[in-house]
PDB file of N, CA and C in Angstrom:
ATOM      1  N   UNK A   1      74.800 297.880  -2.351  1.00  0.00           N
ATOM      2  CA  UNK A   1      73.480 298.240  -1.865  1.00  0.00           C
ATOM      3  C   UNK A   1      73.522 298.820  -0.457  1.00  0.00           C
ATOM      4  N   UNK A   2      74.409 298.294   0.386  1.00  0.00           N
ATOM      5  CA  UNK A   2      74.521 298.795   1.746  1.00  0.00           C
ATOM      6  C   UNK A   2      74.977 300.254   1.760  1.00  0.00           C
ATOM      7  N   UNK A   3      75.837 300.609   0.822  1.00  0.00           N
ATOM      8  CA  UNK A   3      76.338 301.986   0.765  1.00  0.00           C
ATOM      9  C   UNK A   3      75.218 302.966   0.414  1.00  0.00           C
ATOM     10  N   UNK A   4      74.351 302.554  -0.486  1.00  0.00           N
ATOM     11  CA  UNK A   4      73.226 303.412  -0.865  1.00  0.00           C
ATOM     12  C   UNK A   4      72.274 303.574   0.309  1.00  0.00           C
ATOM     13  N   UNK A   5      71.998 302.487   1.013  1.00  0.00           N
ATOM     14  CA  UNK A   5      71.127 302.566   2.176  1.00  0.00           C
ATOM     15  C   UNK A   5      71.747 303.441   3.261  1.00  0.00           C
ATOM     16  N   UNK A   6      73.057 303.351   3.434  1.00  0.00           N
ATOM     17  CA  UNK A   6      73.758 304.183   4.405  1.00  0.00           C
ATOM     18  C   UNK A   6      73.686 305.656   4.003  1.00  0.00           C
ATOM     19  N   UNK A   7      73.856 305.936   2.711  1.00  0.00           N
ATOM     20  CA  UNK A   7      73.740 307.307   2.222  1.00  0.00           C
ATOM     21  C   UNK A   7      72.319 307.838   2.408  1.00  0.00           C
ATOM     22  N   UNK A   8      71.337 307.007   2.115  1.00  0.00           N
ATOM     23  CA  UNK A   8      69.945 307.421   2.306  1.00  0.00           C
ATOM     24  C   UNK A   8      69.656 307.717   3.772  1.00  0.00           C
ATOM     25  N   UNK A   9      70.171 306.885   4.670  1.00  0.00           N
ATOM     26  CA  UNK A   9      69.958 307.104   6.104  1.00  0.00           C
ATOM     27  C   UNK A   9      70.633 308.406   6.539  1.00  0.00           C
ATOM     28  N   UNK A  10      71.848 308.642   6.049  1.00  0.00           N
ATOM     29  CA  UNK A  10      72.543 309.889   6.389  1.00  0.00           C
ATOM     30  C   UNK A  10      71.827 311.104   5.840  1.00  0.00           C
ATOM     31  N   UNK A  11      71.315 310.982   4.612  1.00  0.00           N
ATOM     32  CA  UNK A  11      70.574 312.084   4.005  1.00  0.00           C
ATOM     33  C   UNK A  11      69.276 312.345   4.758  1.00  0.00           C
ATOM     34  N   UNK A  12      68.620 311.287   5.196  1.00  0.00           N
ATOM     35  CA  UNK A  12      67.384 311.435   5.970  1.00  0.00           C
ATOM     36  C   UNK A  12      67.663 312.168   7.287  1.00  0.00           C
ATOM     37  N   UNK A  13      68.757 311.817   7.942  1.00  0.00           N
ATOM     38  CA  UNK A  13      69.129 312.503   9.184  1.00  0.00           C
ATOM     39  C   UNK A  13      69.407 313.980   8.899  1.00  0.00           C
ATOM     40  N   UNK A  14      70.150 314.259   7.817  1.00  0.00           N
ATOM     41  CA  UNK A  14      70.467 315.643   7.464  1.00  0.00           C
ATOM     42  C   UNK A  14      69.204 316.443   7.151  1.00  0.00           C
ATOM     43  N   UNK A  15      68.305 315.857   6.382  1.00  0.00           N
ATOM     44  CA  UNK A  15      67.064 316.547   6.013  1.00  0.00           C
ATOM     45  C   UNK A  15      66.232 316.837   7.255  1.00  0.00           C
ATOM     46  N   UNK A  16      66.105 315.858   8.145  1.00  0.00           N
ATOM     47  CA  UNK A  16      65.332 316.080   9.372  1.00  0.00           C
ATOM     48  C   UNK A  16      65.975 317.135  10.260  1.00  0.00           C
ATOM     49  N   UNK A  17      67.306 317.130  10.329  1.00  0.00           N
ATOM     50  CA  UNK A  17      68.010 318.139  11.107  1.00  0.00           C
ATOM     51  C   UNK A  17      67.830 319.526  10.493  1.00  0.00           C
ATOM     52  N   UNK A  18      67.944 319.607   9.177  1.00  0.00           N
ATOM     53  CA  UNK A  18      67.781 320.883   8.490  1.00  0.00           C
ATOM     54  C   UNK A  18      66.357 321.412   8.648  1.00  0.00           C
ATOM     55  N   UNK A  19      65.374 320.522   8.566  1.00  0.00           N
ATOM     56  CA  UNK A  19      63.975 320.909   8.776  1.00  0.00           C
ATOM     57  C   UNK A  19      63.789 321.444  10.188  1.00  0.00           C
ATOM     58  N   UNK A  20      64.379 320.779  11.157  1.00  0.00           N
ATOM     59  CA  UNK A  20      64.282 321.217  12.542  1.00  0.00           C
ATOM     60  C   UNK A  20      64.922 322.596  12.721  1.00  0.00           C
ATOM     61  N   UNK A  21      66.057 322.810  12.073  1.00  0.00           N
ATOM     62  CA  UNK A  21      66.732 324.110  12.160  1.00  0.00           C
ATOM     63  C   UNK A  21      65.848 325.204  11.568  1.00  0.00           C
ATOM     64  N   UNK A  22      65.249 324.953  10.406  1.00  0.00           N
ATOM     65  CA  UNK A  22      64.366 325.946   9.786  1.00  0.00           C
ATOM     66  C   UNK A  22      63.151 326.241  10.663  1.00  0.00           C
ATOM     67  N   UNK A  23      62.582 325.209  11.264  1.00  0.00           N
ATOM     68  CA  UNK A  23      61.439 325.420  12.156  1.00  0.00           C
ATOM     69  C   UNK A  23      61.851 326.191  13.408  1.00  0.00           C
ATOM     70  N   UNK A  24      63.064 325.920  13.914  1.00  0.00           N
ATOM     71  CA  UNK A  24      63.558 326.651  15.077  1.00  0.00           C
ATOM     72  C   UNK A  24      63.783 328.122  14.736  1.00  0.00           C
ATOM     73  N   UNK A  25      64.306 328.381  13.539  1.00  0.00           N
ATOM     74  CA  UNK A  25      64.503 329.767  13.111  1.00  0.00           C
ATOM     75  C   UNK A  25      63.157 330.480  13.007  1.00  0.00           C
ATOM     76  N   UNK A  26      62.157 329.786  12.472  1.00  0.00           N
ATOM     77  CA  UNK A  26      60.815 330.383  12.380  1.00  0.00           C
ATOM     78  C   UNK A  26      60.279 330.716  13.773  1.00  0.00           C
ATOM     79  N   UNK A  27      60.461 329.814  14.711  1.00  0.00           N
ATOM     80  CA  UNK A  27      60.021 330.060  16.082  1.00  0.00           C
ATOM     81  C   UNK A  27      60.783 331.236  16.684  1.00  0.00           C
ATOM     82  N   UNK A  28      62.083 331.290  16.445  1.00  0.00           N
ATOM     83  CA  UNK A  28      62.881 332.407  16.946  1.00  0.00           C
ATOM     84  C   UNK A  28      62.428 333.737  16.340  1.00  0.00           C
ATOM     85  N   UNK A  29      62.035 333.711  15.071  1.00  0.00           N
ATOM     86  CA  UNK A  29      61.526 334.932  14.432  1.00  0.00           C
ATOM     87  C   UNK A  29      60.277 335.433  15.144  1.00  0.00           C
ATOM     88  N   UNK A  30      59.390 334.529  15.488  1.00  0.00           N
ATOM     89  CA  UNK A  30      58.160 334.928  16.176  1.00  0.00           C
ATOM     90  C   UNK A  30      58.479 335.450  17.578  1.00  0.00           C
ATOM     91  N   UNK A  31      59.337 334.728  18.302  1.00  0.00           N
ATOM     92  CA  UNK A  31      59.677 335.149  19.665  1.00  0.00           C
ATOM     93  C   UNK A  31      60.427 336.478  19.637  1.00  0.00           C
ATOM     94  N   UNK A  32      61.442 336.594  18.773  1.00  0.00           N
ATOM     95  CA  UNK A  32      62.207 337.833  18.682  1.00  0.00           C
ATOM     96  C   UNK A  32      61.309 338.982  18.212  1.00  0.00           C
ATOM     97  N   UNK A  33      60.442 338.701  17.262  1.00  0.00           N
ATOM     98  CA  UNK A  33      59.509 339.711  16.787  1.00  0.00           C
ATOM     99  C   UNK A  33      58.585 340.187  17.887  1.00  0.00           C
ATOM    100  N   UNK A  34      58.139 339.271  18.735  1.00  0.00           N
ATOM    101  CA  UNK A  34      57.291 339.643  19.865  1.00  0.00           C
ATOM    102  C   UNK A  34      58.055 340.541  20.836  1.00  0.00           C
ATOM    103  N   UNK A  35      59.303 340.182  21.118  1.00  0.00           N
ATOM    104  CA  UNK A  35      60.127 341.004  22.017  1.00  0.00           C
ATOM    105  C   UNK A  35      60.324 342.400  21.439  1.00  0.00           C
ATOM    106  N   UNK A  36      60.685 342.477  20.154  1.00  0.00           N
ATOM    107  CA  UNK A  36      60.903 343.776  19.518  1.00  0.00           C
ATOM    108  C   UNK A  36      59.610 344.587  19.466  1.00  0.00           C
ATOM    109  N   UNK A  37      58.491 343.916  19.250  1.00  0.00           N
ATOM    110  CA  UNK A  37      57.204 344.599  19.193  1.00  0.00           C
ATOM    111  C   UNK A  37      56.821 345.151  20.559  1.00  0.00           C
ATOM    112  N   UNK A  38      57.072 344.380  21.603  1.00  0.00           N
ATOM    113  CA  UNK A  38      56.788 344.861  22.961  1.00  0.00           C
ATOM    114  C   UNK A  38      57.667 346.070  23.279  1.00  0.00           C
ATOM    115  N   UNK A  39      58.940 345.998  22.891  1.00  0.00           N
ATOM    116  CA  UNK A  39      59.829 347.144  23.104  1.00  0.00           C
ATOM    117  C   UNK A  39      59.314 348.374  22.370  1.00  0.00           C
ATOM    118  N   UNK A  40      58.881 348.188  21.133  1.00  0.00           N
ATOM    119  CA  UNK A  40      58.344 349.304  20.354  1.00  0.00           C
ATOM    120  C   UNK A  40      57.083 349.855  21.007  1.00  0.00           C
ATOM    121  N   UNK A  41      56.213 348.984  21.485  1.00  0.00           N
ATOM    122  CA  UNK A  41      54.974 349.430  22.122  1.00  0.00           C
ATOM    123  C   UNK A  41      55.275 350.261  23.359  1.00  0.00           C
ATOM    124  N   UNK A  42      56.254 349.850  24.133  1.00  0.00           N
ATOM    125  CA  UNK A  42      56.636 350.615  25.327  1.00  0.00           C
ATOM    126  C   UNK A  42      57.194 351.973  24.922  1.00  0.00           C
ATOM    127  N   UNK A  43      58.062 351.975  23.903  1.00  0.00           N
ATOM    128  CA  UNK A  43      58.657 353.229  23.437  1.00  0.00           C
ATOM    129  C   UNK A  43      57.602 354.166  22.867  1.00  0.00           C
ATOM    130  N   UNK A  44      56.681 353.637  22.076  1.00  0.00           N
ATOM    131  CA  UNK A  44      55.643 354.457  21.458  1.00  0.00           C
ATOM    132  C   UNK A  44      54.708 355.025  22.521  1.00  0.00           C
ATOM    133  N   UNK A  45      54.338 354.221  23.494  1.00  0.00           N
ATOM    134  CA  UNK A  45      53.451 354.706  24.554  1.00  0.00           C
ATOM    135  C   UNK A  45      54.128 355.760  25.417  1.00  0.00           C
ATOM    136  N   UNK A  46      55.426 355.636  25.601  1.00  0.00           N
ATOM    137  CA  UNK A  46      56.162 356.609  26.396  1.00  0.00           C
ATOM    138  C   UNK A  46      56.173 357.977  25.729  1.00  0.00           C
ATOM    139  N   UNK A  47      56.248 357.984  24.410  1.00  0.00           N
ATOM    140  CA  UNK A  47      56.338 359.246  23.677  1.00  0.00           C
ATOM    141  C   UNK A  47      54.981 359.727  23.153  1.00  0.00           C
ATOM    142  N   UNK A  48      53.930 358.967  23.416  1.00  0.00           N
ATOM    143  CA  UNK A  48      52.571 359.340  23.006  1.00  0.00           C
ATOM    144  C   UNK A  48      52.508 359.686  21.515  1.00  0.00           C
ATOM    145  N   UNK A  49      53.094 358.842  20.714  1.00  0.00           N
ATOM    146  CA  UNK A  49      53.105 359.099  19.269  1.00  0.00           C
ATOM    147  C   UNK A  49      51.776 358.714  18.641  1.00  0.00           C
ATOM    148  N   UNK A  50      51.453 359.405  17.563  1.00  0.00           N
ATOM    149  CA  UNK A  50      50.259 359.067  16.793  1.00  0.00           C
ATOM    150  C   UNK A  50      50.521 357.804  15.980  1.00  0.00           C
ATOM    151  N   UNK A  51      49.484 357.172  15.577  1.00  0.00           N
ATOM    152  CA  UNK A  51      49.538 355.990  14.709  1.00  0.00           C
ATOM    153  C   UNK A  51      50.352 354.866  15.351  1.00  0.00           C
ATOM    154  N   UNK A  52      50.289 354.753  16.655  1.00  0.00           N
ATOM    155  CA  UNK A  52      51.096 353.759  17.344  1.00  0.00           C
ATOM    156  C   UNK A  52      50.655 352.334  17.028  1.00  0.00           C
ATOM    157  N   UNK A  53      49.357 352.118  16.892  1.00  0.00           N
ATOM    158  CA  UNK A  53      48.888 350.765  16.618  1.00  0.00           C
ATOM    159  C   UNK A  53      49.407 350.269  15.279  1.00  0.00           C
ATOM    160  N   UNK A  54      49.412 351.125  14.271  1.00  0.00           N
ATOM    161  CA  UNK A  54      49.901 350.740  12.951  1.00  0.00           C
ATOM    162  C   UNK A  54      51.377 350.389  13.003  1.00  0.00           C
ATOM    163  N   UNK A  55      52.171 351.169  13.700  1.00  0.00           N
ATOM    164  CA  UNK A  55      53.601 350.883  13.810  1.00  0.00           C
ATOM    165  C   UNK A  55      53.847 349.560  14.523  1.00  0.00           C
ATOM    166  N   UNK A  56      53.077 349.302  15.545  1.00  0.00           N
ATOM    167  CA  UNK A  56      53.227 348.054  16.299  1.00  0.00           C
ATOM    168  C   UNK A  56      52.836 346.857  15.421  1.00  0.00           C
ATOM    169  N   UNK A  57      51.729 346.991  14.699  1.00  0.00           N
ATOM    170  CA  UNK A  57      51.300 345.918  13.782  1.00  0.00           C
ATOM    171  C   UNK A  57      52.337 345.656  12.705  1.00  0.00           C
ATOM    172  N   UNK A  58      52.901 346.728  12.156  1.00  0.00           N
ATOM    173  CA  UNK A  58      53.915 346.580  11.115  1.00  0.00           C
ATOM    174  C   UNK A  58      55.135 345.841  11.648  1.00  0.00           C
ATOM    175  N   UNK A  59      55.555 346.192  12.830  1.00  0.00           N
ATOM    176  CA  UNK A  59      56.730 345.543  13.423  1.00  0.00           C
ATOM    177  C   UNK A  59      56.506 344.038  13.560  1.00  0.00           C
ATOM    178  N   UNK A  60      55.392 343.663  14.177  1.00  0.00           N
ATOM    179  CA  UNK A  60      55.142 342.236  14.407  1.00  0.00           C
ATOM    180  C   UNK A  60      54.809 341.519  13.096  1.00  0.00           C
ATOM    181  N   UNK A  61      54.086 342.193  12.214  1.00  0.00           N
ATOM    182  CA  UNK A  61      53.728 341.574  10.936  1.00  0.00           C
ATOM    183  C   UNK A  61      54.928 341.205  10.099  1.00  0.00           C
ATOM    184  N   UNK A  62      55.948 342.054  10.097  1.00  0.00           N
ATOM    185  CA  UNK A  62      57.163 341.749   9.330  1.00  0.00           C
ATOM    186  C   UNK A  62      57.846 340.486   9.858  1.00  0.00           C
ATOM    187  N   UNK A  63      57.859 340.340  11.160  1.00  0.00           N
ATOM    188  CA  UNK A  63      58.460 339.144  11.746  1.00  0.00           C
ATOM    189  C   UNK A  63      57.634 337.893  11.426  1.00  0.00           C
ATOM    190  N   UNK A  64      56.310 338.039  11.395  1.00  0.00           N
ATOM    191  CA  UNK A  64      55.463 336.896  11.046  1.00  0.00           C
ATOM    192  C   UNK A  64      55.661 336.478   9.593  1.00  0.00           C
ATOM    193  N   UNK A  65      55.817 337.444   8.703  1.00  0.00           N
ATOM    194  CA  UNK A  65      56.080 337.133   7.298  1.00  0.00           C
ATOM    195  C   UNK A  65      57.374 336.340   7.186  1.00  0.00           C
ATOM    196  N   UNK A  66      58.399 336.773   7.885  1.00  0.00           N
ATOM    197  CA  UNK A  66      59.679 336.073   7.849  1.00  0.00           C
ATOM    198  C   UNK A  66      59.546 334.654   8.404  1.00  0.00           C
ATOM    199  N   UNK A  67      58.820 334.504   9.497  1.00  0.00           N
ATOM    200  CA  UNK A  67      58.616 333.182  10.089  1.00  0.00           C
ATOM    201  C   UNK A  67      57.864 332.257   9.131  1.00  0.00           C
ATOM    202  N   UNK A  68      56.862 332.795   8.429  1.00  0.00           N
ATOM    203  CA  UNK A  68      56.130 331.981   7.453  1.00  0.00           C
ATOM    204  C   UNK A  68      57.043 331.492   6.332  1.00  0.00           C
ATOM    205  N   UNK A  69      57.984 332.320   5.907  1.00  0.00           N
ATOM    206  CA  UNK A  69      58.928 331.920   4.863  1.00  0.00           C
ATOM    207  C   UNK A  69      59.775 330.738   5.330  1.00  0.00           C
ATOM    208  N   UNK A  70      60.264 330.804   6.561  1.00  0.00           N
ATOM    209  CA  UNK A  70      61.071 329.704   7.088  1.00  0.00           C
ATOM    210  C   UNK A  70      60.238 328.436   7.265  1.00  0.00           C
ATOM    211  N   UNK A  71      58.985 328.595   7.700  1.00  0.00           N
ATOM    212  CA  UNK A  71      58.115 327.424   7.845  1.00  0.00           C
ATOM    213  C   UNK A  71      57.854 326.748   6.500  1.00  0.00           C
ATOM    214  N   UNK A  72      57.624 327.552   5.472  1.00  0.00           N
ATOM    215  CA  UNK A  72      57.408 326.994   4.142  1.00  0.00           C
ATOM    216  C   UNK A  72      58.663 326.266   3.673  1.00  0.00           C
ATOM    217  N   UNK A  73      59.822 326.850   3.922  1.00  0.00           N
ATOM    218  CA  UNK A  73      61.075 326.188   3.573  1.00  0.00           C
ATOM    219  C   UNK A  73      61.228 324.859   4.291  1.00  0.00           C
ATOM    220  N   UNK A  74      60.864 324.813   5.559  1.00  0.00           N
ATOM    221  CA  UNK A  74      60.941 323.568   6.326  1.00  0.00           C
ATOM    222  C   UNK A  74      60.007 322.508   5.752  1.00  0.00           C
ATOM    223  N   UNK A  75      58.817 322.924   5.330  1.00  0.00           N
ATOM    224  CA  UNK A  75      57.875 321.974   4.733  1.00  0.00           C
ATOM    225  C   UNK A  75      58.402 321.422   3.413  1.00  0.00           C
ATOM    226  N   UNK A  76      59.022 322.265   2.621  1.00  0.00           N
ATOM    227  CA  UNK A  76      59.584 321.819   1.342  1.00  0.00           C
ATOM    228  C   UNK A  76      60.722 320.839   1.585  1.00  0.00           C
ATOM    229  N   UNK A  77      61.585 321.156   2.535  1.00  0.00           N
ATOM    230  CA  UNK A  77      62.707 320.267   2.854  1.00  0.00           C
ATOM    231  C   UNK A  77      62.189 318.922   3.346  1.00  0.00           C
ATOM    232  N   UNK A  78      61.126 318.932   4.129  1.00  0.00           N
ATOM    233  CA  UNK A  78      60.584 317.690   4.689  1.00  0.00           C
ATOM    234  C   UNK A  78      60.091 316.730   3.616  1.00  0.00           C
ATOM    235  N   UNK A  79      59.672 317.238   2.484  1.00  0.00           N
ATOM    236  CA  UNK A  79      59.145 316.363   1.440  1.00  0.00           C
ATOM    237  C   UNK A  79      60.198 315.948   0.412  1.00  0.00           C
ATOM    238  N   UNK A  80      61.446 316.363   0.590  1.00  0.00           N
ATOM    239  CA  UNK A  80      62.462 315.995  -0.400  1.00  0.00           C
ATOM    240  C   UNK A  80      62.715 314.503  -0.434  1.00  0.00           C
ATOM    241  N   UNK A  81      62.674 313.848   0.690  1.00  0.00           N
ATOM    242  CA  UNK A  81      62.906 312.408   0.713  1.00  0.00           C
ATOM    243  C   UNK A  81      61.618 311.607   0.797  1.00  0.00           C
ATOM    244  N   UNK A  82      60.619 312.156   1.413  1.00  0.00           N
ATOM    245  CA  UNK A  82      59.342 311.474   1.581  1.00  0.00           C
ATOM    246  C   UNK A  82      58.366 312.017   0.548  1.00  0.00           C
ATOM    247  N   UNK A  83      58.576 311.638  -0.687  1.00  0.00           N
ATOM    248  CA  UNK A  83      57.801 312.249  -1.773  1.00  0.00           C
ATOM    249  C   UNK A  83      56.701 311.331  -2.307  1.00  0.00           C
ATOM    250  N   UNK A  84      55.979 310.664  -1.415  1.00  0.00           N
ATOM    251  CA  UNK A  84      54.823 309.914  -1.878  1.00  0.00           C
ATOM    252  C   UNK A  84      53.674 310.884  -2.148  1.00  0.00           C
ATOM    253  N   UNK A  85      52.628 310.402  -2.728  1.00  0.00           N
ATOM    254  CA  UNK A  85      51.530 311.259  -3.153  1.00  0.00           C
ATOM    255  C   UNK A  85      50.872 311.976  -1.974  1.00  0.00           C
ATOM    256  N   UNK A  86      50.717 311.280  -0.856  1.00  0.00           N
ATOM    257  CA  UNK A  86      50.079 311.895   0.315  1.00  0.00           C
ATOM    258  C   UNK A  86      50.930 313.041   0.853  1.00  0.00           C
ATOM    259  N   UNK A  87      52.253 312.845   0.914  1.00  0.00           N
ATOM    260  CA  UNK A  87      53.148 313.903   1.410  1.00  0.00           C
ATOM    261  C   UNK A  87      53.148 315.096   0.478  1.00  0.00           C
ATOM    262  N   UNK A  88      53.154 314.831  -0.814  1.00  0.00           N
ATOM    263  CA  UNK A  88      53.129 315.930  -1.779  1.00  0.00           C
ATOM    264  C   UNK A  88      51.808 316.684  -1.708  1.00  0.00           C
ATOM    265  N   UNK A  89      50.710 315.948  -1.513  1.00  0.00           N
ATOM    266  CA  UNK A  89      49.398 316.593  -1.375  1.00  0.00           C
ATOM    267  C   UNK A  89      49.348 317.498  -0.151  1.00  0.00           C
ATOM    268  N   UNK A  90      49.899 317.005   0.969  1.00  0.00           N
ATOM    269  CA  UNK A  90      49.959 317.821   2.182  1.00  0.00           C
ATOM    270  C   UNK A  90      50.817 319.060   1.949  1.00  0.00           C
ATOM    271  N   UNK A  91      51.951 318.883   1.273  1.00  0.00           N
ATOM    272  CA  UNK A  91      52.836 320.018   1.003  1.00  0.00           C
ATOM    273  C   UNK A  91      52.123 321.062   0.156  1.00  0.00           C
ATOM    274  N   UNK A  92      51.396 320.610  -0.851  1.00  0.00           N
ATOM    275  CA  UNK A  92      50.679 321.549  -1.721  1.00  0.00           C
ATOM    276  C   UNK A  92      49.668 322.353  -0.915  1.00  0.00           C
ATOM    277  N   UNK A  93      48.902 321.684  -0.078  1.00  0.00           N
ATOM    278  CA  UNK A  93      47.903 322.375   0.736  1.00  0.00           C
ATOM    279  C   UNK A  93      48.571 323.343   1.704  1.00  0.00           C
ATOM    280  N   UNK A  94      49.611 322.876   2.400  1.00  0.00           N
ATOM    281  CA  UNK A  94      50.323 323.735   3.347  1.00  0.00           C
ATOM    282  C   UNK A  94      50.966 324.909   2.622  1.00  0.00           C
ATOM    283  N   UNK A  95      51.581 324.639   1.479  1.00  0.00           N
ATOM    284  CA  UNK A  95      52.243 325.708   0.722  1.00  0.00           C
ATOM    285  C   UNK A  95      51.232 326.747   0.251  1.00  0.00           C
ATOM    286  N   UNK A  96      50.082 326.302  -0.202  1.00  0.00           N
ATOM    287  CA  UNK A  96      49.057 327.240  -0.662  1.00  0.00           C
ATOM    288  C   UNK A  96      48.564 328.094   0.509  1.00  0.00           C
ATOM    289  N   UNK A  97      48.257 327.461   1.627  1.00  0.00           N
ATOM    290  CA  UNK A  97      47.758 328.197   2.788  1.00  0.00           C
ATOM    291  C   UNK A  97      48.789 329.206   3.271  1.00  0.00           C
ATOM    292  N   UNK A  98      50.043 328.763   3.409  1.00  0.00           N
ATOM    293  CA  UNK A  98      51.088 329.671   3.910  1.00  0.00           C
ATOM    294  C   UNK A  98      51.398 330.771   2.912  1.00  0.00           C
ATOM    295  N   UNK A  99      51.378 330.441   1.635  1.00  0.00           N
ATOM    296  CA  UNK A  99      51.651 331.457   0.621  1.00  0.00           C
ATOM    297  C   UNK A  99      50.534 332.495   0.582  1.00  0.00           C
ATOM    298  N   UNK A 100      49.293 332.044   0.669  1.00  0.00           N
ATOM    299  CA  UNK A 100      48.155 332.976   0.683  1.00  0.00           C
ATOM    300  C   UNK A 100      48.215 333.856   1.938  1.00  0.00           C
ATOM    301  N   UNK A 101      48.484 333.237   3.086  1.00  0.00           N
ATOM    302  CA  UNK A 101      48.625 334.021   4.318  1.00  0.00           C
ATOM    303  C   UNK A 101      49.738 335.053   4.170  1.00  0.00           C
ATOM    304  N   UNK A 102      50.867 334.609   3.653  1.00  0.00           N
ATOM    305  CA  UNK A 102      52.012 335.498   3.483  1.00  0.00           C
ATOM    306  C   UNK A 102      51.691 336.621   2.506  1.00  0.00           C
ATOM    307  N   UNK A 103      51.019 336.291   1.417  1.00  0.00           N
ATOM    308  CA  UNK A 103      50.678 337.290   0.404  1.00  0.00           C
ATOM    309  C   UNK A 103      49.777 338.376   0.993  1.00  0.00           C
ATOM    310  N   UNK A 104      48.704 337.961   1.648  1.00  0.00           N
ATOM    311  CA  UNK A 104      47.766 338.943   2.183  1.00  0.00           C
ATOM    312  C   UNK A 104      48.357 339.713   3.359  1.00  0.00           C
ATOM    313  N   UNK A 105      49.169 339.056   4.168  1.00  0.00           N
ATOM    314  CA  UNK A 105      49.822 339.763   5.260  1.00  0.00           C
ATOM    315  C   UNK A 105      50.791 340.805   4.712  1.00  0.00           C
ATOM    316  N   UNK A 106      51.564 340.436   3.708  1.00  0.00           N
ATOM    317  CA  UNK A 106      52.497 341.383   3.090  1.00  0.00           C
ATOM    318  C   UNK A 106      51.741 342.527   2.424  1.00  0.00           C
ATOM    319  N   UNK A 107      50.652 342.204   1.740  1.00  0.00           N
ATOM    320  CA  UNK A 107      49.852 343.234   1.085  1.00  0.00           C
ATOM    321  C   UNK A 107      49.276 344.208   2.116  1.00  0.00           C
ATOM    322  N   UNK A 108      48.774 343.680   3.212  1.00  0.00           N
ATOM    323  CA  UNK A 108      48.220 344.521   4.262  1.00  0.00           C
ATOM    324  C   UNK A 108      49.316 345.378   4.906  1.00  0.00           C
ATOM    325  N   UNK A 109      50.489 344.792   5.111  1.00  0.00           N
ATOM    326  CA  UNK A 109      51.596 345.555   5.685  1.00  0.00           C
ATOM    327  C   UNK A 109      52.039 346.669   4.738  1.00  0.00           C
ATOM    328  N   UNK A 110      52.120 346.372   3.447  1.00  0.00           N
ATOM    329  CA  UNK A 110      52.476 347.411   2.468  1.00  0.00           C
ATOM    330  C   UNK A 110      51.464 348.550   2.488  1.00  0.00           C
ATOM    331  N   UNK A 111      50.189 348.198   2.582  1.00  0.00           N
ATOM    332  CA  UNK A 111      49.137 349.213   2.650  1.00  0.00           C
ATOM    333  C   UNK A 111      49.312 350.071   3.898  1.00  0.00           C
ATOM    334  N   UNK A 112      49.587 349.431   5.037  1.00  0.00           N
ATOM    335  CA  UNK A 112      49.782 350.177   6.286  1.00  0.00           C
ATOM    336  C   UNK A 112      51.023 351.057   6.221  1.00  0.00           C
ATOM    337  N   UNK A 113      52.072 350.583   5.556  1.00  0.00           N
ATOM    338  CA  UNK A 113      53.284 351.394   5.412  1.00  0.00           C
ATOM    339  C   UNK A 113      52.978 352.641   4.587  1.00  0.00           C
ATOM    340  N   UNK A 114      52.277 352.453   3.489  1.00  0.00           N
ATOM    341  CA  UNK A 114      51.916 353.604   2.647  1.00  0.00           C
ATOM    342  C   UNK A 114      51.042 354.585   3.417  1.00  0.00           C
ATOM    343  N   UNK A 115      50.087 354.052   4.166  1.00  0.00           N
ATOM    344  CA  UNK A 115      49.180 354.900   4.927  1.00  0.00           C
ATOM    345  C   UNK A 115      49.936 355.663   6.016  1.00  0.00           C
ATOM    346  N   UNK A 116      50.864 355.000   6.686  1.00  0.00           N
ATOM    347  CA  UNK A 116      51.608 355.691   7.746  1.00  0.00           C
ATOM    348  C   UNK A 116      52.552 356.732   7.163  1.00  0.00           C
ATOM    349  N   UNK A 117      53.084 356.496   5.977  1.00  0.00           N
ATOM    350  CA  UNK A 117      53.942 357.496   5.333  1.00  0.00           C
ATOM    351  C   UNK A 117      53.138 358.730   4.929  1.00  0.00           C
ATOM    352  N   UNK A 118      51.906 358.534   4.509  1.00  0.00           N
ATOM    353  CA  UNK A 118      51.063 359.659   4.120  1.00  0.00           C
ATOM    354  C   UNK A 118      50.664 360.493   5.338  1.00  0.00           C
ATOM    355  N   UNK A 119      50.542 359.845   6.486  1.00  0.00           N
ATOM    356  CA  UNK A 119      50.101 360.543   7.689  1.00  0.00           C
ATOM    357  C   UNK A 119      51.237 361.216   8.458  1.00  0.00           C
ATOM    358  N   UNK A 120      52.480 360.904   8.108  1.00  0.00           N
ATOM    359  CA  UNK A 120      53.607 361.525   8.800  1.00  0.00           C
ATOM    360  C   UNK A 120      53.739 362.977   8.381  1.00  0.00           C
ATOM    361  N   UNK A 121      54.097 363.788   9.329  1.00  0.00           N
ATOM    362  CA  UNK A 121      54.327 365.195   9.040  1.00  0.00           C
ATOM    363  C   UNK A 121      55.724 365.359   8.497  1.00  0.00           C
ATOM    364  N   UNK A 122      55.925 366.279   7.566  1.00  0.00           N
ATOM    365  CA  UNK A 122      57.277 366.495   7.040  1.00  0.00           C
ATOM    366  C   UNK A 122      58.191 367.008   8.137  1.00  0.00           C
ATOM    367  N   UNK A 123      59.442 366.557   8.089  1.00  0.00           N
ATOM    368  CA  UNK A 123      60.424 366.948   9.085  1.00  0.00           C
ATOM    369  C   UNK A 123      61.005 368.303   8.692  1.00  0.00           C
ATOM    370  N   UNK A 124      60.670 369.351   9.462  1.00  0.00           N
ATOM    371  CA  UNK A 124      61.129 370.706   9.172  1.00  0.00           C
ATOM    372  C   UNK A 124      62.229 371.047  10.163  1.00  0.00           C
ATOM    373  N   UNK A 125      63.397 371.350   9.662  1.00  0.00           N
ATOM    374  CA  UNK A 125      64.538 371.692  10.541  1.00  0.00           C
ATOM    375  C   UNK A 125      64.765 373.167  10.557  1.00  0.00           C
TER     376      UNK A 125
END
């Protein structure tokens, strides 16, 4: 029995560490995405390009989608050992909210990508 309890304690530590790593990656995605978006905004403003707001939104939106994926993964990992009804209920609500956010954000980004492609002028050499 002691061995099982020791394994459970080790697994709990691993799960919590893995959840923390996934949450840290999500945070890094947002921070890195913000840095890249600021760089793009500076570059776009310097060259006075058209449709700059859409390009900036697309850049940051892609990073937010990625961060949401990591956050959802962290939530799923967190409930692997703590699978009582309340934890599962919270996971379902969080998963639905994050999935809906991710779906609509991705859909909006796809729409903006299509719109920006239609507005680009053909490259004539």
